[in-house]
N, C-alpha and C. Protein backbone atom coordinates (compact mmCIF):
# COMPACT_ATOMS: atom_id res chain seq x y z
N MET A 1 -31.35 -1.02 11.51
CA MET A 1 -31.25 -2.33 10.88
C MET A 1 -31.17 -2.22 9.37
N SER A 2 -31.91 -1.33 8.78
CA SER A 2 -31.96 -1.23 7.33
C SER A 2 -30.59 -0.94 6.74
N ARG A 3 -29.76 -0.16 7.44
CA ARG A 3 -28.44 0.17 6.91
C ARG A 3 -27.57 -1.08 6.81
N THR A 4 -27.61 -1.93 7.87
CA THR A 4 -26.82 -3.15 7.84
C THR A 4 -27.32 -4.07 6.73
N TRP A 5 -28.63 -4.21 6.60
CA TRP A 5 -29.20 -5.05 5.55
C TRP A 5 -28.76 -4.54 4.19
N ASN A 6 -28.83 -3.24 3.97
CA ASN A 6 -28.45 -2.68 2.68
C ASN A 6 -26.98 -2.94 2.36
N THR A 7 -26.11 -2.79 3.33
CA THR A 7 -24.70 -3.01 3.06
C THR A 7 -24.43 -4.48 2.72
N GLY A 8 -25.13 -5.39 3.37
CA GLY A 8 -24.97 -6.80 3.04
C GLY A 8 -25.40 -7.10 1.63
N VAL A 9 -26.53 -6.55 1.22
CA VAL A 9 -27.03 -6.78 -0.13
C VAL A 9 -26.13 -6.12 -1.17
N VAL A 10 -25.67 -4.91 -0.87
CA VAL A 10 -24.76 -4.22 -1.79
C VAL A 10 -23.47 -5.02 -1.96
N ALA A 11 -22.95 -5.53 -0.86
CA ALA A 11 -21.72 -6.32 -0.93
C ALA A 11 -21.92 -7.58 -1.77
N LEU A 12 -23.02 -8.29 -1.55
CA LEU A 12 -23.30 -9.49 -2.33
C LEU A 12 -23.48 -9.17 -3.81
N GLY A 13 -24.17 -8.07 -4.08
CA GLY A 13 -24.35 -7.67 -5.47
C GLY A 13 -23.03 -7.33 -6.13
N GLY A 14 -22.15 -6.62 -5.40
CA GLY A 14 -20.85 -6.28 -5.94
C GLY A 14 -19.99 -7.51 -6.19
N ILE A 15 -20.04 -8.47 -5.27
CA ILE A 15 -19.28 -9.71 -5.44
C ILE A 15 -19.76 -10.46 -6.68
N ALA A 16 -21.08 -10.56 -6.83
CA ALA A 16 -21.64 -11.27 -7.99
C ALA A 16 -21.26 -10.56 -9.29
N LEU A 17 -21.34 -9.23 -9.30
CA LEU A 17 -20.99 -8.47 -10.50
C LEU A 17 -19.53 -8.64 -10.84
N ALA A 18 -18.67 -8.60 -9.83
CA ALA A 18 -17.23 -8.78 -10.06
C ALA A 18 -16.95 -10.16 -10.65
N ALA A 19 -17.65 -11.18 -10.16
CA ALA A 19 -17.46 -12.53 -10.68
C ALA A 19 -17.86 -12.61 -12.15
N VAL A 20 -19.01 -12.03 -12.48
CA VAL A 20 -19.48 -12.05 -13.87
C VAL A 20 -18.50 -11.31 -14.79
N LEU A 21 -18.03 -10.14 -14.35
CA LEU A 21 -17.09 -9.36 -15.15
C LEU A 21 -15.78 -10.12 -15.36
N THR A 22 -15.33 -10.83 -14.33
CA THR A 22 -14.10 -11.59 -14.45
C THR A 22 -14.23 -12.71 -15.48
N VAL A 23 -15.36 -13.38 -15.46
CA VAL A 23 -15.60 -14.44 -16.46
C VAL A 23 -15.64 -13.84 -17.86
N ILE A 24 -16.33 -12.71 -18.01
CA ILE A 24 -16.39 -12.05 -19.31
C ILE A 24 -14.99 -11.66 -19.77
N GLY A 25 -14.19 -11.14 -18.85
CA GLY A 25 -12.83 -10.74 -19.18
C GLY A 25 -12.00 -11.91 -19.68
N HIS A 26 -12.19 -13.07 -19.08
CA HIS A 26 -11.45 -14.26 -19.53
C HIS A 26 -11.90 -14.70 -20.92
N LEU A 27 -13.18 -14.54 -21.20
CA LEU A 27 -13.69 -14.96 -22.50
C LEU A 27 -13.28 -14.01 -23.62
N GLU A 28 -13.01 -12.76 -23.28
CA GLU A 28 -12.69 -11.75 -24.28
C GLU A 28 -11.21 -11.67 -24.64
N VAL A 29 -10.34 -12.23 -23.81
CA VAL A 29 -8.91 -12.07 -24.05
C VAL A 29 -8.44 -12.99 -25.16
N ASN A 30 -7.17 -12.81 -25.54
CA ASN A 30 -6.55 -13.61 -26.59
C ASN A 30 -6.61 -15.10 -26.24
N ASP A 31 -6.99 -15.92 -27.22
CA ASP A 31 -7.10 -17.36 -26.99
C ASP A 31 -5.76 -18.01 -26.68
N ASP A 32 -4.66 -17.34 -26.99
CA ASP A 32 -3.34 -17.91 -26.72
C ASP A 32 -2.99 -17.90 -25.24
N LEU A 33 -3.71 -17.15 -24.44
CA LEU A 33 -3.43 -17.07 -23.00
C LEU A 33 -4.00 -18.29 -22.29
N ASN A 34 -3.17 -18.93 -21.47
CA ASN A 34 -3.56 -20.14 -20.76
C ASN A 34 -3.93 -19.79 -19.32
N PRO A 35 -5.20 -19.96 -18.92
CA PRO A 35 -5.62 -19.57 -17.57
C PRO A 35 -4.99 -20.43 -16.47
N TRP A 36 -4.49 -21.61 -16.80
CA TRP A 36 -3.86 -22.45 -15.79
C TRP A 36 -2.41 -22.04 -15.54
N ALA A 37 -1.78 -21.45 -16.56
CA ALA A 37 -0.37 -21.08 -16.45
C ALA A 37 -0.16 -19.60 -16.19
N LEU A 38 -1.18 -18.78 -16.42
CA LEU A 38 -1.05 -17.34 -16.27
C LEU A 38 -2.03 -16.84 -15.21
N THR A 39 -1.64 -15.79 -14.49
CA THR A 39 -2.49 -15.23 -13.44
C THR A 39 -3.57 -14.33 -14.02
N ILE A 40 -4.51 -13.96 -13.18
CA ILE A 40 -5.55 -13.03 -13.61
C ILE A 40 -4.94 -11.69 -14.00
N SER A 41 -3.88 -11.29 -13.29
CA SER A 41 -3.20 -10.04 -13.63
C SER A 41 -2.60 -10.10 -15.04
N ASP A 42 -2.11 -11.28 -15.44
CA ASP A 42 -1.59 -11.44 -16.80
C ASP A 42 -2.70 -11.24 -17.83
N PHE A 43 -3.89 -11.73 -17.50
CA PHE A 43 -5.02 -11.53 -18.39
C PHE A 43 -5.42 -10.06 -18.42
N ALA A 44 -5.42 -9.43 -17.24
CA ALA A 44 -5.85 -8.03 -17.15
C ALA A 44 -4.93 -7.10 -17.94
N VAL A 45 -3.60 -7.34 -17.88
CA VAL A 45 -2.67 -6.44 -18.55
C VAL A 45 -2.78 -6.58 -20.07
N SER A 46 -3.27 -7.71 -20.54
CA SER A 46 -3.44 -7.89 -21.98
C SER A 46 -4.65 -7.12 -22.50
N ASP A 47 -5.51 -6.68 -21.58
CA ASP A 47 -6.69 -5.87 -21.93
C ASP A 47 -6.77 -4.72 -20.95
N ARG A 48 -5.73 -3.91 -20.95
CA ARG A 48 -5.57 -2.83 -19.97
C ARG A 48 -6.80 -1.93 -19.93
N GLY A 49 -7.34 -1.74 -18.71
CA GLY A 49 -8.53 -0.93 -18.54
C GLY A 49 -9.81 -1.65 -18.90
N GLY A 50 -9.70 -2.97 -19.12
CA GLY A 50 -10.86 -3.76 -19.52
C GLY A 50 -11.69 -4.22 -18.33
N VAL A 51 -12.53 -5.22 -18.59
CA VAL A 51 -13.51 -5.61 -17.59
C VAL A 51 -12.89 -6.27 -16.36
N ILE A 52 -11.73 -6.91 -16.50
CA ILE A 52 -11.11 -7.51 -15.32
C ILE A 52 -10.63 -6.44 -14.35
N ASP A 53 -10.06 -5.37 -14.88
CA ASP A 53 -9.69 -4.25 -14.02
C ASP A 53 -10.92 -3.67 -13.33
N VAL A 54 -12.01 -3.54 -14.09
CA VAL A 54 -13.26 -3.03 -13.51
C VAL A 54 -13.76 -3.97 -12.42
N ALA A 55 -13.63 -5.28 -12.66
CA ALA A 55 -14.08 -6.27 -11.66
C ALA A 55 -13.32 -6.10 -10.35
N MET A 56 -12.03 -5.83 -10.43
CA MET A 56 -11.23 -5.64 -9.22
C MET A 56 -11.70 -4.42 -8.44
N VAL A 57 -12.03 -3.35 -9.16
CA VAL A 57 -12.52 -2.14 -8.50
C VAL A 57 -13.89 -2.40 -7.86
N VAL A 58 -14.75 -3.11 -8.57
CA VAL A 58 -16.08 -3.42 -8.05
C VAL A 58 -15.97 -4.26 -6.78
N LEU A 59 -15.06 -5.25 -6.78
CA LEU A 59 -14.89 -6.09 -5.60
C LEU A 59 -14.35 -5.28 -4.42
N ALA A 60 -13.46 -4.34 -4.69
CA ALA A 60 -12.95 -3.48 -3.63
C ALA A 60 -14.07 -2.63 -3.04
N LEU A 61 -14.92 -2.09 -3.89
CA LEU A 61 -16.04 -1.28 -3.41
C LEU A 61 -17.06 -2.12 -2.64
N ALA A 62 -17.25 -3.36 -3.07
CA ALA A 62 -18.14 -4.26 -2.32
C ALA A 62 -17.59 -4.50 -0.92
N THR A 63 -16.27 -4.61 -0.81
CA THR A 63 -15.63 -4.78 0.50
C THR A 63 -15.85 -3.55 1.37
N VAL A 64 -15.78 -2.37 0.77
CA VAL A 64 -16.02 -1.14 1.52
C VAL A 64 -17.44 -1.13 2.08
N ALA A 65 -18.40 -1.56 1.27
CA ALA A 65 -19.78 -1.64 1.75
C ALA A 65 -19.90 -2.61 2.92
N LEU A 66 -19.21 -3.74 2.80
CA LEU A 66 -19.23 -4.73 3.87
C LEU A 66 -18.58 -4.17 5.14
N LEU A 67 -17.50 -3.42 4.96
CA LEU A 67 -16.82 -2.80 6.10
C LEU A 67 -17.75 -1.85 6.85
N TYR A 68 -18.54 -1.11 6.11
CA TYR A 68 -19.46 -0.18 6.76
C TYR A 68 -20.46 -0.95 7.62
N GLY A 69 -20.98 -2.04 7.07
CA GLY A 69 -21.91 -2.86 7.84
C GLY A 69 -21.27 -3.46 9.08
N LEU A 70 -20.02 -3.92 8.95
CA LEU A 70 -19.31 -4.48 10.09
C LEU A 70 -19.07 -3.43 11.17
N HIS A 71 -18.71 -2.24 10.74
CA HIS A 71 -18.45 -1.16 11.70
C HIS A 71 -19.72 -0.81 12.47
N ARG A 72 -20.86 -0.82 11.79
CA ARG A 72 -22.13 -0.49 12.46
C ARG A 72 -22.50 -1.53 13.51
N ARG A 73 -22.02 -2.77 13.32
CA ARG A 73 -22.42 -3.86 14.19
C ARG A 73 -21.31 -4.28 15.15
N ALA A 74 -20.22 -3.51 15.23
CA ALA A 74 -19.04 -3.94 16.00
C ALA A 74 -19.33 -4.11 17.48
N PRO A 75 -19.40 -5.36 18.01
CA PRO A 75 -19.65 -5.57 19.43
C PRO A 75 -18.37 -5.67 20.24
N ARG A 76 -17.20 -5.87 19.55
CA ARG A 76 -15.92 -6.01 20.25
C ARG A 76 -14.93 -5.06 19.59
N PRO A 77 -14.80 -3.85 20.11
CA PRO A 77 -14.01 -2.80 19.43
C PRO A 77 -12.60 -3.21 19.04
N GLY A 78 -11.85 -3.86 19.93
CA GLY A 78 -10.46 -4.18 19.62
C GLY A 78 -10.32 -5.13 18.44
N THR A 79 -11.00 -6.28 18.54
CA THR A 79 -10.95 -7.28 17.48
C THR A 79 -11.57 -6.74 16.20
N ALA A 80 -12.70 -6.05 16.35
CA ALA A 80 -13.39 -5.51 15.18
C ALA A 80 -12.51 -4.51 14.44
N ARG A 81 -11.82 -3.66 15.18
CA ARG A 81 -10.97 -2.64 14.55
C ARG A 81 -9.85 -3.28 13.74
N THR A 82 -9.22 -4.32 14.29
CA THR A 82 -8.13 -4.98 13.58
C THR A 82 -8.65 -5.66 12.32
N ALA A 83 -9.78 -6.35 12.43
CA ALA A 83 -10.35 -7.03 11.27
C ALA A 83 -10.72 -6.02 10.18
N GLU A 84 -11.28 -4.89 10.60
CA GLU A 84 -11.66 -3.87 9.63
C GLU A 84 -10.44 -3.29 8.92
N LEU A 85 -9.35 -3.10 9.67
CA LEU A 85 -8.12 -2.60 9.05
C LEU A 85 -7.58 -3.58 8.02
N LEU A 86 -7.66 -4.87 8.34
CA LEU A 86 -7.16 -5.88 7.42
C LEU A 86 -8.03 -5.97 6.16
N LEU A 87 -9.35 -5.86 6.34
CA LEU A 87 -10.21 -5.85 5.17
C LEU A 87 -10.00 -4.58 4.34
N GLY A 88 -9.69 -3.48 5.04
CA GLY A 88 -9.36 -2.26 4.33
C GLY A 88 -8.08 -2.41 3.52
N ALA A 89 -7.10 -3.15 4.08
CA ALA A 89 -5.85 -3.41 3.35
C ALA A 89 -6.12 -4.26 2.12
N TRP A 90 -7.02 -5.22 2.25
CA TRP A 90 -7.42 -6.05 1.09
C TRP A 90 -8.03 -5.17 -0.01
N ALA A 91 -8.95 -4.29 0.38
CA ALA A 91 -9.60 -3.43 -0.60
C ALA A 91 -8.60 -2.47 -1.25
N ALA A 92 -7.71 -1.90 -0.44
CA ALA A 92 -6.69 -0.99 -0.97
C ALA A 92 -5.75 -1.72 -1.92
N GLY A 93 -5.37 -2.95 -1.55
CA GLY A 93 -4.50 -3.73 -2.41
C GLY A 93 -5.15 -4.03 -3.75
N LEU A 94 -6.45 -4.34 -3.73
CA LEU A 94 -7.17 -4.59 -4.97
C LEU A 94 -7.20 -3.35 -5.86
N LEU A 95 -7.50 -2.20 -5.24
CA LEU A 95 -7.56 -0.96 -6.01
C LEU A 95 -6.21 -0.62 -6.62
N LEU A 96 -5.15 -0.76 -5.84
CA LEU A 96 -3.81 -0.45 -6.35
C LEU A 96 -3.42 -1.42 -7.46
N ALA A 97 -3.74 -2.70 -7.30
CA ALA A 97 -3.42 -3.68 -8.34
C ALA A 97 -4.21 -3.41 -9.61
N ALA A 98 -5.41 -2.86 -9.48
CA ALA A 98 -6.21 -2.53 -10.67
C ALA A 98 -5.65 -1.32 -11.40
N VAL A 99 -5.14 -0.36 -10.64
CA VAL A 99 -4.63 0.88 -11.24
C VAL A 99 -3.22 0.71 -11.79
N VAL A 100 -2.40 -0.06 -11.07
CA VAL A 100 -1.00 -0.25 -11.48
C VAL A 100 -0.86 -1.64 -12.09
N PRO A 101 -0.61 -1.74 -13.38
CA PRO A 101 -0.57 -3.05 -14.04
C PRO A 101 0.72 -3.81 -13.79
N THR A 102 0.65 -5.11 -13.97
CA THR A 102 1.85 -5.94 -13.94
C THR A 102 2.52 -5.87 -15.31
N ASN A 103 3.60 -6.60 -15.49
CA ASN A 103 4.27 -6.63 -16.79
C ASN A 103 3.60 -7.63 -17.72
N GLU A 104 3.80 -7.44 -19.01
CA GLU A 104 3.29 -8.39 -19.99
C GLU A 104 3.96 -9.74 -19.77
N PRO A 105 3.23 -10.85 -19.94
CA PRO A 105 3.83 -12.17 -19.77
C PRO A 105 5.08 -12.35 -20.64
N GLY A 106 6.15 -12.83 -20.02
CA GLY A 106 7.38 -13.08 -20.76
C GLY A 106 8.32 -11.91 -20.83
N THR A 107 7.94 -10.76 -20.25
CA THR A 107 8.80 -9.58 -20.27
C THR A 107 9.39 -9.36 -18.88
N ALA A 108 10.41 -8.51 -18.81
CA ALA A 108 11.09 -8.23 -17.55
C ALA A 108 10.18 -7.45 -16.60
N MET A 109 10.36 -7.71 -15.31
CA MET A 109 9.59 -7.01 -14.29
C MET A 109 9.98 -5.54 -14.25
N THR A 110 8.98 -4.66 -14.17
CA THR A 110 9.19 -3.22 -14.06
C THR A 110 8.85 -2.78 -12.64
N THR A 111 9.10 -1.50 -12.36
CA THR A 111 8.76 -0.96 -11.04
C THR A 111 7.27 -1.09 -10.77
N SER A 112 6.45 -0.76 -11.76
CA SER A 112 5.01 -0.86 -11.58
C SER A 112 4.58 -2.32 -11.39
N ALA A 113 5.27 -3.24 -12.05
CA ALA A 113 4.94 -4.66 -11.90
C ALA A 113 5.23 -5.13 -10.48
N TYR A 114 6.36 -4.69 -9.91
CA TYR A 114 6.68 -5.04 -8.53
C TYR A 114 5.66 -4.46 -7.56
N LEU A 115 5.25 -3.20 -7.82
CA LEU A 115 4.25 -2.56 -6.97
C LEU A 115 2.94 -3.33 -7.04
N HIS A 116 2.57 -3.75 -8.25
CA HIS A 116 1.36 -4.54 -8.45
C HIS A 116 1.46 -5.86 -7.67
N ARG A 117 2.62 -6.50 -7.76
CA ARG A 117 2.81 -7.79 -7.09
C ARG A 117 2.69 -7.63 -5.58
N TYR A 118 3.35 -6.63 -5.01
CA TYR A 118 3.33 -6.48 -3.56
C TYR A 118 1.95 -6.07 -3.06
N ALA A 119 1.24 -5.26 -3.85
CA ALA A 119 -0.13 -4.89 -3.48
C ALA A 119 -1.01 -6.13 -3.45
N SER A 120 -0.81 -7.03 -4.42
CA SER A 120 -1.57 -8.27 -4.47
C SER A 120 -1.24 -9.16 -3.29
N VAL A 121 0.04 -9.25 -2.93
CA VAL A 121 0.47 -10.08 -1.80
C VAL A 121 -0.18 -9.58 -0.51
N VAL A 122 -0.16 -8.26 -0.31
CA VAL A 122 -0.78 -7.68 0.89
C VAL A 122 -2.26 -8.04 0.94
N ALA A 123 -2.94 -7.90 -0.20
CA ALA A 123 -4.36 -8.21 -0.25
C ALA A 123 -4.62 -9.68 0.07
N PHE A 124 -3.86 -10.57 -0.57
CA PHE A 124 -4.06 -12.00 -0.39
C PHE A 124 -3.82 -12.45 1.05
N LEU A 125 -2.90 -11.79 1.75
CA LEU A 125 -2.59 -12.17 3.13
C LEU A 125 -3.51 -11.49 4.14
N ALA A 126 -3.91 -10.26 3.84
CA ALA A 126 -4.73 -9.50 4.79
C ALA A 126 -6.12 -10.10 4.95
N LEU A 127 -6.71 -10.55 3.85
CA LEU A 127 -8.09 -11.03 3.93
C LEU A 127 -8.24 -12.28 4.80
N PRO A 128 -7.42 -13.33 4.63
CA PRO A 128 -7.60 -14.50 5.50
C PRO A 128 -7.37 -14.20 6.98
N VAL A 129 -6.39 -13.36 7.29
CA VAL A 129 -6.17 -13.02 8.70
C VAL A 129 -7.38 -12.25 9.23
N GLY A 130 -7.87 -11.31 8.43
CA GLY A 130 -9.07 -10.58 8.82
C GLY A 130 -10.27 -11.50 8.97
N GLY A 131 -10.38 -12.49 8.07
CA GLY A 131 -11.48 -13.45 8.16
C GLY A 131 -11.43 -14.27 9.42
N TRP A 132 -10.21 -14.65 9.84
CA TRP A 132 -10.07 -15.42 11.08
C TRP A 132 -10.52 -14.60 12.29
N LEU A 133 -10.17 -13.32 12.29
CA LEU A 133 -10.60 -12.45 13.39
C LEU A 133 -12.10 -12.23 13.36
N LEU A 134 -12.67 -12.12 12.17
CA LEU A 134 -14.11 -11.93 12.06
C LEU A 134 -14.87 -13.12 12.64
N ALA A 135 -14.29 -14.31 12.52
CA ALA A 135 -14.95 -15.51 13.04
C ALA A 135 -15.11 -15.45 14.55
N ARG A 136 -14.38 -14.57 15.23
CA ARG A 136 -14.47 -14.44 16.69
C ARG A 136 -15.58 -13.48 17.12
N ARG A 137 -16.18 -12.79 16.18
CA ARG A 137 -17.23 -11.83 16.52
C ARG A 137 -18.54 -12.54 16.86
N PRO A 138 -19.20 -12.14 17.95
CA PRO A 138 -20.48 -12.77 18.33
C PRO A 138 -21.54 -12.68 17.24
N ASP A 139 -21.58 -11.56 16.51
CA ASP A 139 -22.62 -11.42 15.49
C ASP A 139 -22.37 -12.30 14.28
N LEU A 140 -21.16 -12.86 14.16
CA LEU A 140 -20.85 -13.76 13.04
C LEU A 140 -20.68 -15.21 13.51
N THR A 141 -21.13 -15.49 14.73
CA THR A 141 -21.01 -16.85 15.27
C THR A 141 -21.62 -17.92 14.37
N PRO A 142 -22.79 -17.67 13.74
CA PRO A 142 -23.36 -18.71 12.87
C PRO A 142 -22.44 -19.11 11.72
N ALA A 143 -21.55 -18.23 11.31
CA ALA A 143 -20.67 -18.51 10.18
C ALA A 143 -19.24 -18.78 10.60
N ALA A 144 -18.97 -18.87 11.92
CA ALA A 144 -17.60 -18.97 12.41
C ALA A 144 -16.87 -20.18 11.84
N ARG A 145 -17.50 -21.34 11.87
CA ARG A 145 -16.83 -22.55 11.37
C ARG A 145 -16.55 -22.45 9.87
N THR A 146 -17.51 -21.93 9.14
CA THR A 146 -17.31 -21.76 7.68
C THR A 146 -16.17 -20.80 7.40
N LEU A 147 -16.14 -19.69 8.13
CA LEU A 147 -15.07 -18.70 7.94
C LEU A 147 -13.70 -19.30 8.22
N ARG A 148 -13.58 -20.03 9.32
CA ARG A 148 -12.28 -20.61 9.67
C ARG A 148 -11.85 -21.66 8.64
N THR A 149 -12.81 -22.44 8.14
CA THR A 149 -12.49 -23.43 7.12
C THR A 149 -11.99 -22.76 5.85
N LEU A 150 -12.68 -21.71 5.43
CA LEU A 150 -12.27 -20.97 4.23
C LEU A 150 -10.91 -20.32 4.41
N VAL A 151 -10.66 -19.80 5.59
CA VAL A 151 -9.37 -19.16 5.87
C VAL A 151 -8.24 -20.18 5.77
N LEU A 152 -8.42 -21.34 6.39
CA LEU A 152 -7.37 -22.37 6.34
C LEU A 152 -7.14 -22.85 4.91
N LEU A 153 -8.22 -22.98 4.15
CA LEU A 153 -8.09 -23.39 2.76
C LEU A 153 -7.36 -22.34 1.94
N SER A 154 -7.68 -21.07 2.20
CA SER A 154 -7.02 -19.99 1.46
C SER A 154 -5.53 -19.93 1.78
N LEU A 155 -5.17 -20.18 3.03
CA LEU A 155 -3.75 -20.17 3.39
C LEU A 155 -3.01 -21.32 2.72
N ALA A 156 -3.66 -22.48 2.62
CA ALA A 156 -3.05 -23.61 1.94
C ALA A 156 -2.86 -23.30 0.45
N LEU A 157 -3.84 -22.66 -0.15
CA LEU A 157 -3.73 -22.28 -1.57
C LEU A 157 -2.69 -21.20 -1.77
N ALA A 158 -2.58 -20.28 -0.81
CA ALA A 158 -1.54 -19.25 -0.90
C ALA A 158 -0.15 -19.89 -0.86
N ALA A 159 0.01 -20.91 0.00
CA ALA A 159 1.28 -21.62 0.06
C ALA A 159 1.57 -22.33 -1.25
N ALA A 160 0.53 -22.91 -1.85
CA ALA A 160 0.70 -23.57 -3.14
C ALA A 160 1.11 -22.58 -4.22
N MET A 161 0.53 -21.39 -4.16
CA MET A 161 0.87 -20.36 -5.15
C MET A 161 2.31 -19.89 -4.98
N VAL A 162 2.75 -19.72 -3.72
CA VAL A 162 4.14 -19.33 -3.46
C VAL A 162 5.10 -20.39 -3.98
N TRP A 163 4.77 -21.66 -3.73
CA TRP A 163 5.61 -22.75 -4.23
C TRP A 163 5.70 -22.71 -5.75
N SER A 164 4.55 -22.49 -6.38
CA SER A 164 4.53 -22.45 -7.85
C SER A 164 5.35 -21.28 -8.37
N ALA A 165 5.27 -20.13 -7.70
CA ALA A 165 5.95 -18.92 -8.19
C ALA A 165 7.45 -19.02 -8.10
N TYR A 166 7.96 -19.86 -7.18
CA TYR A 166 9.42 -19.92 -6.98
C TYR A 166 9.99 -21.30 -7.32
N PRO A 167 10.02 -22.27 -6.40
CA PRO A 167 10.64 -23.55 -6.77
C PRO A 167 9.85 -24.32 -7.82
N GLY A 168 8.52 -24.06 -7.94
CA GLY A 168 7.70 -24.81 -8.87
C GLY A 168 7.74 -24.33 -10.30
N ASP A 169 8.53 -23.28 -10.59
CA ASP A 169 8.66 -22.76 -11.96
C ASP A 169 7.30 -22.41 -12.56
N ARG A 170 6.42 -21.81 -11.72
CA ARG A 170 5.10 -21.31 -12.12
C ARG A 170 4.17 -22.42 -12.61
N LEU A 171 4.38 -23.64 -12.13
CA LEU A 171 3.51 -24.75 -12.51
C LEU A 171 2.09 -24.52 -11.98
N LEU A 172 1.13 -24.44 -12.89
CA LEU A 172 -0.28 -24.26 -12.54
C LEU A 172 -0.52 -23.07 -11.62
N ILE A 173 0.28 -22.03 -11.77
CA ILE A 173 0.13 -20.86 -10.90
C ILE A 173 -1.22 -20.17 -11.14
N GLY A 174 -1.69 -20.20 -12.37
CA GLY A 174 -2.98 -19.59 -12.67
C GLY A 174 -4.11 -20.30 -11.97
N LEU A 175 -4.07 -21.62 -11.95
CA LEU A 175 -5.09 -22.40 -11.26
C LEU A 175 -5.05 -22.15 -9.76
N ALA A 176 -3.84 -22.16 -9.19
CA ALA A 176 -3.71 -21.91 -7.75
C ALA A 176 -4.24 -20.53 -7.38
N GLU A 177 -3.93 -19.52 -8.19
CA GLU A 177 -4.39 -18.17 -7.88
C GLU A 177 -5.90 -18.05 -7.97
N ARG A 178 -6.49 -18.65 -8.99
CA ARG A 178 -7.93 -18.55 -9.15
C ARG A 178 -8.67 -19.25 -8.02
N LEU A 179 -8.16 -20.40 -7.59
CA LEU A 179 -8.77 -21.08 -6.45
C LEU A 179 -8.61 -20.26 -5.18
N LEU A 180 -7.45 -19.61 -5.03
CA LEU A 180 -7.22 -18.75 -3.86
C LEU A 180 -8.20 -17.58 -3.84
N ILE A 181 -8.34 -16.92 -4.98
CA ILE A 181 -9.26 -15.78 -5.05
C ILE A 181 -10.70 -16.23 -4.79
N LEU A 182 -11.08 -17.37 -5.37
CA LEU A 182 -12.43 -17.88 -5.15
C LEU A 182 -12.69 -18.13 -3.67
N THR A 183 -11.71 -18.70 -2.99
CA THR A 183 -11.86 -18.99 -1.56
C THR A 183 -11.93 -17.71 -0.74
N GLU A 184 -11.09 -16.74 -1.07
CA GLU A 184 -11.09 -15.50 -0.29
C GLU A 184 -12.36 -14.68 -0.54
N VAL A 185 -12.84 -14.69 -1.76
CA VAL A 185 -14.10 -13.99 -2.03
C VAL A 185 -15.25 -14.68 -1.30
N ALA A 186 -15.14 -16.01 -1.15
CA ALA A 186 -16.16 -16.74 -0.40
C ALA A 186 -16.20 -16.29 1.07
N VAL A 187 -15.06 -15.88 1.61
CA VAL A 187 -15.02 -15.32 2.96
C VAL A 187 -15.89 -14.07 3.02
N LEU A 188 -15.71 -13.18 2.06
CA LEU A 188 -16.50 -11.95 2.02
C LEU A 188 -17.98 -12.25 1.85
N ALA A 189 -18.30 -13.18 0.95
CA ALA A 189 -19.70 -13.52 0.70
C ALA A 189 -20.35 -14.13 1.94
N THR A 190 -19.60 -14.94 2.68
CA THR A 190 -20.13 -15.56 3.89
C THR A 190 -20.49 -14.50 4.93
N VAL A 191 -19.62 -13.52 5.09
CA VAL A 191 -19.90 -12.44 6.04
C VAL A 191 -21.13 -11.64 5.61
N ALA A 192 -21.21 -11.33 4.32
CA ALA A 192 -22.33 -10.55 3.81
C ALA A 192 -23.65 -11.29 3.98
N VAL A 193 -23.66 -12.58 3.68
CA VAL A 193 -24.88 -13.38 3.81
C VAL A 193 -25.30 -13.46 5.28
N THR A 194 -24.35 -13.64 6.18
CA THR A 194 -24.66 -13.72 7.60
C THR A 194 -25.27 -12.42 8.11
N GLN A 195 -24.74 -11.30 7.65
CA GLN A 195 -25.30 -10.00 8.04
C GLN A 195 -26.75 -9.88 7.58
N ALA A 196 -26.99 -10.21 6.32
CA ALA A 196 -28.33 -10.07 5.77
C ALA A 196 -29.32 -10.98 6.50
N ARG A 197 -28.91 -12.20 6.79
CA ARG A 197 -29.79 -13.13 7.49
C ARG A 197 -30.09 -12.67 8.91
N ALA A 198 -29.10 -12.10 9.57
CA ALA A 198 -29.30 -11.63 10.94
C ALA A 198 -30.38 -10.56 10.99
N VAL A 199 -30.36 -9.66 10.02
CA VAL A 199 -31.36 -8.58 9.99
C VAL A 199 -32.71 -9.11 9.57
N ASP A 200 -32.72 -10.03 8.59
CA ASP A 200 -33.98 -10.61 8.16
C ASP A 200 -34.69 -11.34 9.30
N HIS A 201 -33.91 -11.94 10.20
CA HIS A 201 -34.48 -12.67 11.32
C HIS A 201 -34.76 -11.78 12.52
N GLY A 202 -34.50 -10.48 12.38
CA GLY A 202 -34.81 -9.56 13.45
C GLY A 202 -33.83 -9.57 14.59
N VAL A 203 -32.58 -9.95 14.33
CA VAL A 203 -31.57 -9.97 15.39
C VAL A 203 -31.16 -8.54 15.71
N VAL A 204 -31.20 -8.18 16.97
CA VAL A 204 -30.81 -6.85 17.41
C VAL A 204 -29.35 -6.91 17.84
N VAL A 205 -28.54 -6.03 17.31
CA VAL A 205 -27.12 -6.04 17.64
C VAL A 205 -26.75 -4.78 18.39
N PRO A 206 -25.75 -4.86 19.26
CA PRO A 206 -25.33 -3.67 20.03
C PRO A 206 -24.64 -2.65 19.17
N HIS A 207 -24.82 -1.43 19.49
CA HIS A 207 -24.15 -0.32 18.79
C HIS A 207 -23.40 0.50 19.81
N GLU A 208 -22.46 1.29 19.35
CA GLU A 208 -21.68 2.11 20.27
C GLU A 208 -22.59 2.98 21.13
N GLY A 209 -22.28 3.00 22.40
CA GLY A 209 -23.07 3.83 23.31
C GLY A 209 -24.26 3.09 23.88
N GLY A 210 -24.38 1.76 23.51
CA GLY A 210 -25.46 0.96 24.08
C GLY A 210 -26.72 0.98 23.27
N ALA A 211 -26.79 1.76 22.18
CA ALA A 211 -27.99 1.79 21.34
C ALA A 211 -28.02 0.57 20.46
N THR A 212 -29.12 0.36 19.78
CA THR A 212 -29.24 -0.75 18.85
C THR A 212 -29.43 -0.21 17.45
N VAL A 213 -29.12 -1.10 16.45
CA VAL A 213 -29.27 -0.69 15.06
C VAL A 213 -30.13 -1.71 14.32
């Protein structure tokens, strides 16, 4: 039980730290940057290697901790495996986006910028699908409705961001992206909180081979 509890707490701590670093990163950047019109990646590239990049890495590591806890508690191997792979894709996408920068605002797209964009797209799509599958797990039943609500909201925000990026001429794309990220991170936080509460309440979960953890 202690291992699952620890991973939940580590994940929550990582999420909180990433949020604080992201806010600090926004406060430290050039005042000319508009958070409603520019994405977080636009802010990050203006302070390459700064706290926003660090926040992305921290959030990816928090997801890895959460994945470990989920794997320890997996009661349905097929569904659990798919959800874990999708959360792994989210974490990998975050790490790649942190390492490979986008282009400076107003400049032409480069190869690294395209790689950054596609890594971000994979991450943004993988997490809600993974969250929907997680809602089917018996050990996450208390949070199933919340998870599904957050997933549907994130998909709606993703659609709004796609509209803004193409026919919308980037109208409020920064706002749409930040709301999308907030919603998707809430999915991770919901899973982590549910894990911690389950252990605090003494819930025994099945482990591979019929043992308990």
